[in-house]
Amino acid sequence: MARLNAFFDEHIYPNEERYHHELAQNRRAGDVWQPLKLIERAQGRGAQGRPVEHVSAPSLQGARGGISNLDYAPLCEVMGRVSWSGEVFNCSAPDTGNMETLERYATDAQKEEWLEPLLDGKIRSAFLMTEPAVASSDATNIQCSIIRDGDHYVINGRKWFSSGAGNPNCAIFIVMGKTDPDAARHQQQSMVLVPRATPGVTVLRLLTVFGYDDAPHGHMEVVLENVRVPVANILLGEGRGFEIAQGRLGPGRIHHCMRSIGAAERALEMMVDRLQARVAFGKPLAEQSVWHERIAESRCMIDQARLLTLNAAHRMDTAGNKAARAEIAMIKVVAPNMSCKVVDWAIQAHGAAGISQDFWLAEAYAHQRTVRIVDGPDEVHRNAIAKIELGKRAAVKKA
């Protein structure tokens, strides 16, 4: 944590304005997806090439000395303070989730071809699950077809909000689709590895998020037309896609939530600084009671969310992802809602400046509002929590 915070002070925070300036230059040049060399420069400033060692995703103990979810969570919080910082440390979404998926479910050959270069930061990846034609919050709705034809699978479907697919270094897609529509509801889906350059793959368009294009990352709509990949590209086996999705999304939710907490913490700092620097109606804003209420409430909500998230991480480490499903669902509801509220108050404290490009807050609010949808919307997680609680009481009464 000390080394990570020191690196942020030396290299990340001083370069935030430069990052956005270079990105704007790329846009004006008509080359939005040009890789931002700033990230590469930041990675190489230490004596040994990486000033802060690469931190593998929590489940990667067997691949690159990964650390526990509980130890990784505070690092995610720091990285959540600057949206693009995760890529500097090779810890950005969706790559961390894809690394964990490959480490857990890929064959040795698949790991050698795709996991190793991902761990080394040589390539980027994308996760293709969400579809425009169905409510993808229910993964069993997925319609993309994966049909076996001899030694190959033929894939047809349309995906969108395929995060990472816009990155020019993206080389591999993990695609979820149906291999057997007649199987049991949770055994119809499978996941296959699709190299980005495979014929029939078309990145159709960029999807903005509250007007942001999120370059050089990008959330893309992707069309798969008669895409053929070897049967050996399947992950774990036919009908195991839903199982993989559950295993992948649990740790990812911890990462999202801790990044949300980092964003909220920074927003509170900005709120306090602004309130102490601005005078209205004859006294500093910081002396007005409504802002006392909001500052205090922000501190309470942030610390509550952090402790709840760390508890979920500990539960995952000690009991496993399945046993921690209630804790994971709770933090996915609590953390982004909390962060939205704190960032919203920080925007209010900044007035018109808070919604401008001169401050980080508008970007932060757009991202935190988005997190309430990604990896399962609030409603899905609340439904899961309620079912678990109902099940507890039913078990007690039955006993």
Protein backbone atom coordinates (compact mmCIF):
# COMPACT_ATOMS: atom_id res chain seq x y z
CA MET A 1 0.00 0.00 0.00
CA ALA A 2 2.81 2.40 0.86
CA ARG A 3 4.60 1.72 -2.43
CA LEU A 4 1.38 1.97 -4.41
CA ASN A 5 0.39 5.28 -2.84
CA ALA A 6 3.89 6.66 -3.38
CA PHE A 7 3.75 5.65 -7.03
CA PHE A 8 0.39 7.41 -7.41
CA ASP A 9 1.82 10.57 -5.89
CA GLU A 10 4.85 10.48 -8.19
CA HIS A 11 3.44 9.22 -11.46
CA ILE A 12 -0.36 8.88 -11.60
CA TYR A 13 -1.85 12.05 -10.10
CA PRO A 14 0.64 14.41 -11.81
CA ASN A 15 -0.21 12.83 -15.17
CA GLU A 16 -4.02 12.88 -15.00
CA GLU A 17 -4.29 16.11 -16.95
CA ARG A 18 -1.68 14.92 -19.43
CA TYR A 19 -3.57 11.65 -19.94
CA HIS A 20 -6.75 13.49 -20.91
CA HIS A 21 -4.80 15.93 -23.08
CA GLU A 22 -3.16 13.11 -25.06
CA LEU A 23 -6.51 11.36 -25.41
CA ALA A 24 -8.09 14.56 -26.74
CA GLN A 25 -5.24 14.92 -29.24
CA ASN A 26 -5.86 11.38 -30.46
CA ARG A 27 -9.56 12.13 -30.90
CA ARG A 28 -8.83 15.27 -32.92
CA ALA A 29 -6.47 13.25 -35.09
CA GLY A 30 -9.25 10.76 -35.75
CA ASP A 31 -7.38 7.95 -34.02
CA VAL A 32 -9.20 7.53 -30.72
CA TRP A 33 -7.94 4.01 -30.16
CA GLN A 34 -4.25 4.78 -30.53
CA PRO A 35 -2.54 3.26 -27.48
CA LEU A 36 -1.70 5.91 -24.92
CA LYS A 37 2.05 5.83 -24.48
CA LEU A 38 1.70 7.52 -21.12
CA ILE A 39 0.64 4.21 -19.58
CA GLU A 40 3.62 2.43 -21.08
CA ARG A 41 5.97 5.15 -19.83
CA ALA A 42 4.50 4.96 -16.34
CA GLN A 43 5.04 1.21 -16.29
CA GLY A 44 8.72 1.55 -17.13
CA ARG A 45 9.88 4.23 -14.70
CA GLY A 46 11.18 1.92 -11.99
CA ALA A 47 14.69 0.58 -11.80
CA GLN A 48 13.52 -2.94 -12.66
CA GLY A 49 10.90 -1.96 -15.28
CA ARG A 50 7.91 -2.01 -12.92
CA PRO A 51 8.21 0.27 -9.90
CA VAL A 52 5.35 -1.53 -8.15
CA GLU A 53 5.48 -5.26 -8.76
CA HIS A 54 2.70 -6.74 -10.86
CA VAL A 55 -0.09 -7.80 -8.52
CA SER A 56 -1.80 -10.87 -9.89
CA ALA A 57 -5.53 -11.24 -9.46
CA PRO A 58 -6.44 -13.03 -6.21
CA SER A 59 -7.08 -16.48 -7.65
CA LEU A 60 -3.79 -16.62 -9.52
CA GLN A 61 -1.79 -18.31 -6.76
CA GLY A 62 -0.74 -21.05 -9.15
CA ALA A 63 0.08 -18.74 -12.03
CA ARG A 64 1.97 -15.74 -10.69
CA GLY A 65 1.96 -15.67 -6.91
CA GLY A 66 -1.46 -14.12 -6.54
CA ILE A 67 -2.56 -12.70 -3.20
CA SER A 68 -5.75 -13.14 -1.21
CA ASN A 69 -8.94 -11.22 -1.96
CA LEU A 70 -8.61 -9.54 1.44
CA ASP A 71 -5.08 -8.31 0.63
CA TYR A 72 -5.94 -7.32 -2.93
CA ALA A 73 -9.04 -5.31 -1.97
CA PRO A 74 -7.25 -2.26 -0.47
CA LEU A 75 -5.01 -2.08 -3.55
CA CYS A 76 -8.14 -1.96 -5.72
CA GLU A 77 -9.39 0.90 -3.58
CA VAL A 78 -6.29 2.94 -4.36
CA MET A 79 -6.55 2.15 -8.07
CA GLY A 80 -10.21 3.24 -8.00
CA ARG A 81 -9.10 6.80 -7.34
CA VAL A 82 -8.01 7.19 -10.99
CA SER A 83 -10.05 5.32 -13.59
CA TRP A 84 -7.20 4.40 -15.93
CA SER A 85 -4.58 3.56 -13.32
CA GLY A 86 -5.34 -0.17 -13.18
CA GLU A 87 -3.83 -0.71 -16.60
CA VAL A 88 -0.50 0.67 -15.41
CA PHE A 89 -0.31 -2.26 -12.99
CA ASN A 90 -1.93 -4.77 -15.37
CA CYS A 91 -4.92 -4.91 -13.02
CA SER A 92 -7.65 -3.39 -15.18
CA ALA A 93 -11.06 -4.82 -15.99
CA PRO A 94 -11.95 -6.97 -17.82
CA ASP A 95 -8.41 -8.38 -17.97
CA THR A 96 -8.20 -9.32 -14.28
CA GLY A 97 -11.46 -11.26 -14.54
CA ASN A 98 -10.33 -12.91 -17.75
CA MET A 99 -6.99 -13.84 -16.18
CA GLU A 100 -8.81 -15.47 -13.29
CA THR A 101 -11.12 -17.30 -15.69
CA LEU A 102 -8.21 -18.68 -17.68
CA GLU A 103 -6.27 -19.62 -14.56
CA ARG A 104 -9.23 -21.52 -13.12
CA TYR A 105 -10.80 -23.10 -16.19
CA ALA A 106 -8.35 -23.14 -19.12
CA THR A 107 -6.21 -26.06 -20.21
CA ASP A 108 -2.43 -25.86 -19.97
CA ALA A 109 -2.23 -25.17 -23.70
CA GLN A 110 -4.80 -22.38 -23.45
CA LYS A 111 -2.94 -20.85 -20.53
CA GLU A 112 0.34 -20.88 -22.39
CA GLU A 113 -1.21 -19.21 -25.43
CA TRP A 114 -3.38 -16.59 -23.71
CA LEU A 115 -2.88 -16.37 -19.94
CA GLU A 116 0.88 -15.88 -20.01
CA PRO A 117 0.83 -12.90 -22.43
CA LEU A 118 -2.08 -11.39 -20.46
CA LEU A 119 -0.10 -11.68 -17.24
CA ASP A 120 2.89 -10.08 -18.94
CA GLY A 121 0.74 -7.20 -20.21
CA LYS A 122 1.63 -7.99 -23.83
CA ILE A 123 -2.01 -8.29 -24.92
CA ARG A 124 -5.44 -7.16 -23.76
CA SER A 125 -8.71 -9.12 -23.72
CA ALA A 126 -12.49 -8.75 -23.82
CA PHE A 127 -15.44 -10.60 -22.28
CA LEU A 128 -18.45 -11.05 -24.61
CA MET A 129 -21.56 -11.91 -22.63
CA THR A 130 -24.16 -9.12 -22.78
CA GLU A 131 -26.51 -9.04 -25.78
CA PRO A 132 -28.73 -6.21 -27.08
CA ALA A 133 -31.72 -8.42 -27.92
CA VAL A 134 -32.29 -10.00 -24.49
CA ALA A 135 -32.23 -9.10 -20.81
CA SER A 136 -28.68 -10.25 -20.14
CA SER A 137 -29.04 -9.74 -16.39
CA ASP A 138 -30.45 -13.28 -16.65
CA ALA A 139 -27.53 -15.16 -18.18
CA THR A 140 -29.79 -18.03 -19.25
CA ASN A 141 -31.33 -15.64 -21.82
CA ILE A 142 -28.12 -15.55 -23.87
CA GLN A 143 -28.95 -16.33 -27.52
CA CYS A 144 -25.53 -16.41 -29.23
CA SER A 145 -25.22 -19.90 -30.74
CA ILE A 146 -22.14 -22.13 -30.49
CA ILE A 147 -22.70 -25.14 -32.74
CA ARG A 148 -20.22 -27.97 -33.14
CA ASP A 149 -19.23 -28.81 -36.70
CA GLY A 150 -16.65 -31.59 -36.75
CA ASP A 151 -13.47 -30.34 -35.10
CA HIS A 152 -14.74 -26.76 -34.89
CA TYR A 153 -17.41 -24.66 -33.24
CA VAL A 154 -19.37 -22.23 -35.40
CA ILE A 155 -20.44 -19.10 -33.53
CA ASN A 156 -23.22 -16.73 -34.53
CA GLY A 157 -24.50 -13.87 -32.43
CA ARG A 158 -24.44 -10.20 -31.56
CA LYS A 159 -22.84 -8.91 -28.37
CA TRP A 160 -22.56 -5.43 -26.96
CA PHE A 161 -20.90 -3.57 -24.11
CA SER A 162 -17.99 -5.88 -24.79
CA SER A 163 -15.56 -4.04 -22.54
CA GLY A 164 -11.96 -4.06 -23.71
CA ALA A 165 -12.81 -4.92 -27.32
CA GLY A 166 -11.93 -1.37 -28.38
CA ASN A 167 -8.38 -1.58 -27.10
CA PRO A 168 -5.98 -1.86 -30.04
CA ASN A 169 -4.00 -4.48 -28.13
CA CYS A 170 -7.03 -6.70 -27.55
CA ALA A 171 -6.14 -10.14 -28.91
CA ILE A 172 -8.60 -12.59 -27.35
CA PHE A 173 -12.34 -12.70 -26.64
CA ILE A 174 -14.02 -14.97 -24.11
CA VAL A 175 -17.45 -15.55 -25.66
CA MET A 176 -20.50 -16.95 -23.88
CA GLY A 177 -23.20 -18.65 -25.95
CA LYS A 178 -25.54 -21.63 -26.16
CA THR A 179 -24.24 -25.03 -27.20
CA ASP A 180 -27.44 -26.92 -26.31
CA PRO A 181 -30.75 -24.99 -26.12
CA ASP A 182 -32.54 -28.19 -25.04
CA ALA A 183 -30.38 -28.92 -22.00
CA ALA A 184 -31.30 -28.01 -18.44
CA ARG A 185 -31.62 -24.25 -17.99
CA HIS A 186 -28.19 -23.71 -16.44
CA GLN A 187 -26.39 -26.20 -18.67
CA GLN A 188 -27.23 -24.70 -22.06
CA GLN A 189 -24.39 -22.18 -22.09
CA SER A 190 -20.70 -22.57 -22.81
CA MET A 191 -17.67 -20.30 -23.10
CA VAL A 192 -15.13 -20.41 -25.89
CA LEU A 193 -11.93 -18.56 -26.68
CA VAL A 194 -12.15 -16.54 -29.89
CA PRO A 195 -9.01 -14.79 -31.15
CA ARG A 196 -9.83 -11.19 -32.10
CA ALA A 197 -8.47 -11.70 -35.63
CA THR A 198 -10.71 -14.69 -36.44
CA PRO A 199 -12.65 -14.28 -39.73
CA GLY A 200 -16.28 -13.38 -39.14
CA VAL A 201 -15.58 -11.18 -36.11
CA THR A 202 -16.72 -7.61 -36.72
CA VAL A 203 -16.39 -4.84 -34.15
CA LEU A 204 -19.43 -2.90 -35.31
CA ARG A 205 -19.43 0.27 -33.25
CA LEU A 206 -18.38 2.02 -30.08
CA LEU A 207 -20.96 2.42 -27.32
CA THR A 208 -20.58 5.50 -25.17
CA VAL A 209 -21.27 5.58 -21.44
CA PHE A 210 -22.93 8.86 -20.45
CA GLY A 211 -21.20 10.36 -23.47
CA TYR A 212 -17.73 9.01 -22.57
CA ASP A 213 -16.04 6.70 -25.07
CA ASP A 214 -13.73 5.22 -22.41
CA ALA A 215 -10.81 5.12 -24.86
CA PRO A 216 -8.47 3.34 -25.17
CA HIS A 217 -10.54 0.68 -23.41
CA GLY A 218 -13.86 0.85 -25.22
CA HIS A 219 -17.22 -0.86 -24.89
CA MET A 220 -18.06 -2.26 -28.29
CA GLU A 221 -20.89 -3.91 -30.18
CA VAL A 222 -19.51 -7.04 -31.81
CA VAL A 223 -21.07 -9.22 -34.50
CA LEU A 224 -20.01 -12.87 -34.82
CA GLU A 225 -20.96 -14.36 -38.19
CA ASN A 226 -20.06 -17.99 -38.86
CA VAL A 227 -16.96 -17.62 -36.72
CA ARG A 228 -15.07 -20.92 -36.64
CA VAL A 229 -12.73 -21.88 -33.80
CA PRO A 230 -11.24 -25.27 -32.91
CA VAL A 231 -13.12 -27.45 -30.44
CA ALA A 232 -10.02 -27.20 -28.25
CA ASN A 233 -10.93 -23.53 -27.63
CA ILE A 234 -13.81 -24.39 -25.29
CA LEU A 235 -13.37 -23.59 -21.61
CA LEU A 236 -13.98 -26.41 -19.14
CA GLY A 237 -16.46 -28.20 -21.40
CA GLU A 238 -19.87 -27.85 -23.04
CA GLY A 239 -22.65 -26.70 -20.77
CA ARG A 240 -20.27 -25.21 -18.17
CA GLY A 241 -20.65 -21.55 -19.19
CA PHE A 242 -23.04 -20.55 -16.42
CA GLU A 243 -20.76 -22.18 -13.87
CA ILE A 244 -17.77 -20.27 -15.24
CA ALA A 245 -19.72 -17.01 -15.23
CA GLN A 246 -20.56 -17.42 -11.55
CA GLY A 247 -16.93 -18.18 -10.73
CA ARG A 248 -15.67 -15.23 -12.77
CA LEU A 249 -18.07 -12.55 -11.61
CA GLY A 250 -17.67 -13.08 -7.85
CA PRO A 251 -14.08 -11.82 -7.56
CA GLY A 252 -14.78 -9.14 -10.18
CA ARG A 253 -17.50 -7.71 -7.96
CA ILE A 254 -15.02 -7.36 -5.10
CA HIS A 255 -12.72 -5.42 -7.42
CA HIS A 256 -15.53 -3.17 -8.66
CA CYS A 257 -16.71 -2.43 -5.13
CA MET A 258 -13.29 -1.55 -3.77
CA ARG A 259 -12.65 0.71 -6.74
CA SER A 260 -16.02 2.37 -6.00
CA ILE A 261 -14.92 2.94 -2.42
CA GLY A 262 -11.66 4.50 -3.64
CA ALA A 263 -13.63 6.84 -5.90
CA ALA A 264 -15.91 7.82 -3.03
CA GLU A 265 -12.96 8.45 -0.72
CA ARG A 266 -11.37 10.77 -3.26
CA ALA A 267 -14.70 12.53 -3.87
CA LEU A 268 -15.06 13.18 -0.13
CA GLU A 269 -11.57 14.66 -0.01
CA MET A 270 -12.42 16.95 -2.93
CA MET A 271 -15.72 17.91 -1.28
CA VAL A 272 -14.04 18.90 1.97
CA ASP A 273 -11.32 20.89 0.19
CA ARG A 274 -13.90 22.75 -1.90
CA LEU A 275 -16.15 23.55 1.04
CA GLN A 276 -13.24 25.01 2.98
CA ALA A 277 -12.13 27.15 0.05
CA ARG A 278 -15.50 28.65 -0.95
CA VAL A 279 -17.47 31.41 0.78
CA ALA A 280 -21.19 31.94 0.25
CA PHE A 281 -23.68 34.09 2.15
CA GLY A 282 -20.96 35.50 4.35
CA LYS A 283 -19.24 32.35 5.61
CA PRO A 284 -17.29 29.34 4.30
CA LEU A 285 -19.48 26.58 2.96
CA ALA A 286 -17.76 24.21 5.39
CA GLU A 287 -19.43 26.09 8.28
CA GLN A 288 -22.95 25.57 6.96
CA SER A 289 -24.85 22.82 8.71
CA VAL A 290 -26.15 21.04 5.63
CA TRP A 291 -22.56 20.31 4.60
CA HIS A 292 -21.72 19.04 8.09
CA GLU A 293 -24.51 16.51 7.61
CA ARG A 294 -23.25 15.45 4.20
CA ILE A 295 -19.61 15.17 5.24
CA ALA A 296 -20.50 13.06 8.27
CA GLU A 297 -22.89 10.87 6.32
CA SER A 298 -20.28 10.35 3.60
CA ARG A 299 -17.69 9.19 6.13
CA CYS A 300 -20.17 6.78 7.73
CA MET A 301 -21.29 5.32 4.40
CA ILE A 302 -17.76 4.90 3.02
CA ASP A 303 -16.47 3.12 6.12
CA GLN A 304 -19.55 0.90 6.30
CA ALA A 305 -19.16 -0.10 2.64
CA ARG A 306 -15.45 -0.74 3.05
CA LEU A 307 -15.94 -3.01 6.07
CA LEU A 308 -18.75 -4.89 4.32
CA THR A 309 -16.55 -5.40 1.26
CA LEU A 310 -13.54 -6.53 3.26
CA ASN A 311 -15.80 -8.97 5.09
CA ALA A 312 -16.95 -10.38 1.76
CA ALA A 313 -13.33 -10.72 0.63
CA HIS A 314 -12.43 -12.55 3.84
CA ARG A 315 -15.44 -14.83 3.45
CA MET A 316 -14.40 -15.67 -0.12
CA ASP A 317 -10.86 -16.47 1.00
CA THR A 318 -11.91 -18.68 3.90
CA ALA A 319 -15.15 -20.31 2.73
CA GLY A 320 -15.14 -19.96 -1.06
CA ASN A 321 -17.08 -17.86 -3.56
CA LYS A 322 -20.26 -19.92 -3.33
CA ALA A 323 -20.47 -19.64 0.45
CA ALA A 324 -19.90 -15.88 0.16
CA ARG A 325 -22.65 -15.30 -2.39
CA ALA A 326 -24.80 -13.26 0.02
CA GLU A 327 -21.88 -11.07 1.08
CA ILE A 328 -20.87 -10.53 -2.57
CA ALA A 329 -24.44 -9.60 -3.54
CA MET A 330 -24.71 -7.14 -0.64
CA ILE A 331 -21.54 -5.25 -1.47
CA LYS A 332 -22.50 -5.03 -5.14
CA VAL A 333 -25.67 -3.19 -4.07
CA VAL A 334 -24.14 -1.10 -1.31
CA ALA A 335 -20.80 0.12 -2.71
CA PRO A 336 -21.81 1.72 -6.03
CA ASN A 337 -24.97 3.26 -4.54
CA MET A 338 -22.88 4.75 -1.75
CA SER A 339 -20.28 6.02 -4.21
CA CYS A 340 -22.94 7.59 -6.44
CA LYS A 341 -24.31 9.50 -3.46
CA VAL A 342 -20.92 10.74 -2.22
CA VAL A 343 -19.79 11.78 -5.70
CA ASP A 344 -23.14 13.52 -6.22
CA TRP A 345 -22.65 15.55 -3.05
CA ALA A 346 -19.11 16.41 -4.13
CA ILE A 347 -20.47 17.65 -7.45
CA GLN A 348 -23.01 19.79 -5.58
CA ALA A 349 -20.23 21.26 -3.45
CA HIS A 350 -18.33 22.24 -6.60
CA GLY A 351 -21.36 23.84 -8.24
CA ALA A 352 -21.14 24.29 -12.01
CA ALA A 353 -17.46 23.28 -11.93
CA GLY A 354 -18.47 19.84 -10.69
CA ILE A 355 -20.20 18.92 -13.93
CA SER A 356 -17.42 20.26 -16.15
CA GLN A 357 -14.34 18.62 -17.57
CA ASP A 358 -12.16 20.71 -15.25
CA PHE A 359 -12.75 18.26 -12.43
CA TRP A 360 -12.76 14.46 -12.20
CA LEU A 361 -16.20 14.29 -10.62
CA ALA A 362 -18.42 14.13 -13.71
CA GLU A 363 -16.38 11.23 -15.07
CA ALA A 364 -16.49 9.54 -11.66
CA TYR A 365 -20.26 9.88 -11.39
CA ALA A 366 -20.78 8.40 -14.85
CA HIS A 367 -18.61 5.44 -13.96
CA GLN A 368 -20.16 4.80 -10.56
CA ARG A 369 -23.68 4.97 -11.97
CA THR A 370 -22.60 2.41 -14.56
CA VAL A 371 -21.30 0.04 -11.89
CA ARG A 372 -24.87 -0.28 -10.61
CA ILE A 373 -25.60 -2.19 -13.84
CA VAL A 374 -22.42 -4.07 -14.76
CA ASP A 375 -21.83 -7.54 -13.30
CA GLY A 376 -25.53 -7.73 -12.46
CA PRO A 377 -27.93 -4.83 -11.75
CA ASP A 378 -29.01 -3.90 -8.24
CA GLU A 379 -32.35 -5.67 -8.67
CA VAL A 380 -30.73 -9.04 -9.40
CA HIS A 381 -28.50 -8.85 -6.33
CA ARG A 382 -31.33 -7.71 -4.07
CA ASN A 383 -33.39 -10.62 -5.34
CA ALA A 384 -30.54 -13.03 -4.52
CA ILE A 385 -30.13 -11.58 -1.01
CA ALA A 386 -33.86 -11.87 -0.33
CA LYS A 387 -33.97 -15.49 -1.48
CA ILE A 388 -31.07 -16.38 0.80
CA GLU A 389 -32.78 -14.73 3.78
CA LEU A 390 -36.09 -16.45 3.01
CA GLY A 391 -34.25 -19.74 2.72
CA LYS A 392 -32.62 -19.25 6.13
CA ARG A 393 -35.96 -18.77 7.85
CA ALA A 394 -37.54 -21.68 6.02
CA ALA A 395 -34.69 -23.94 7.17
CA VAL A 396 -35.07 -22.79 10.78
CA LYS A 397 -38.82 -23.41 10.79
CA LYS A 398 -38.38 -26.83 9.19
CA ALA A 399 -35.86 -27.83 11.85
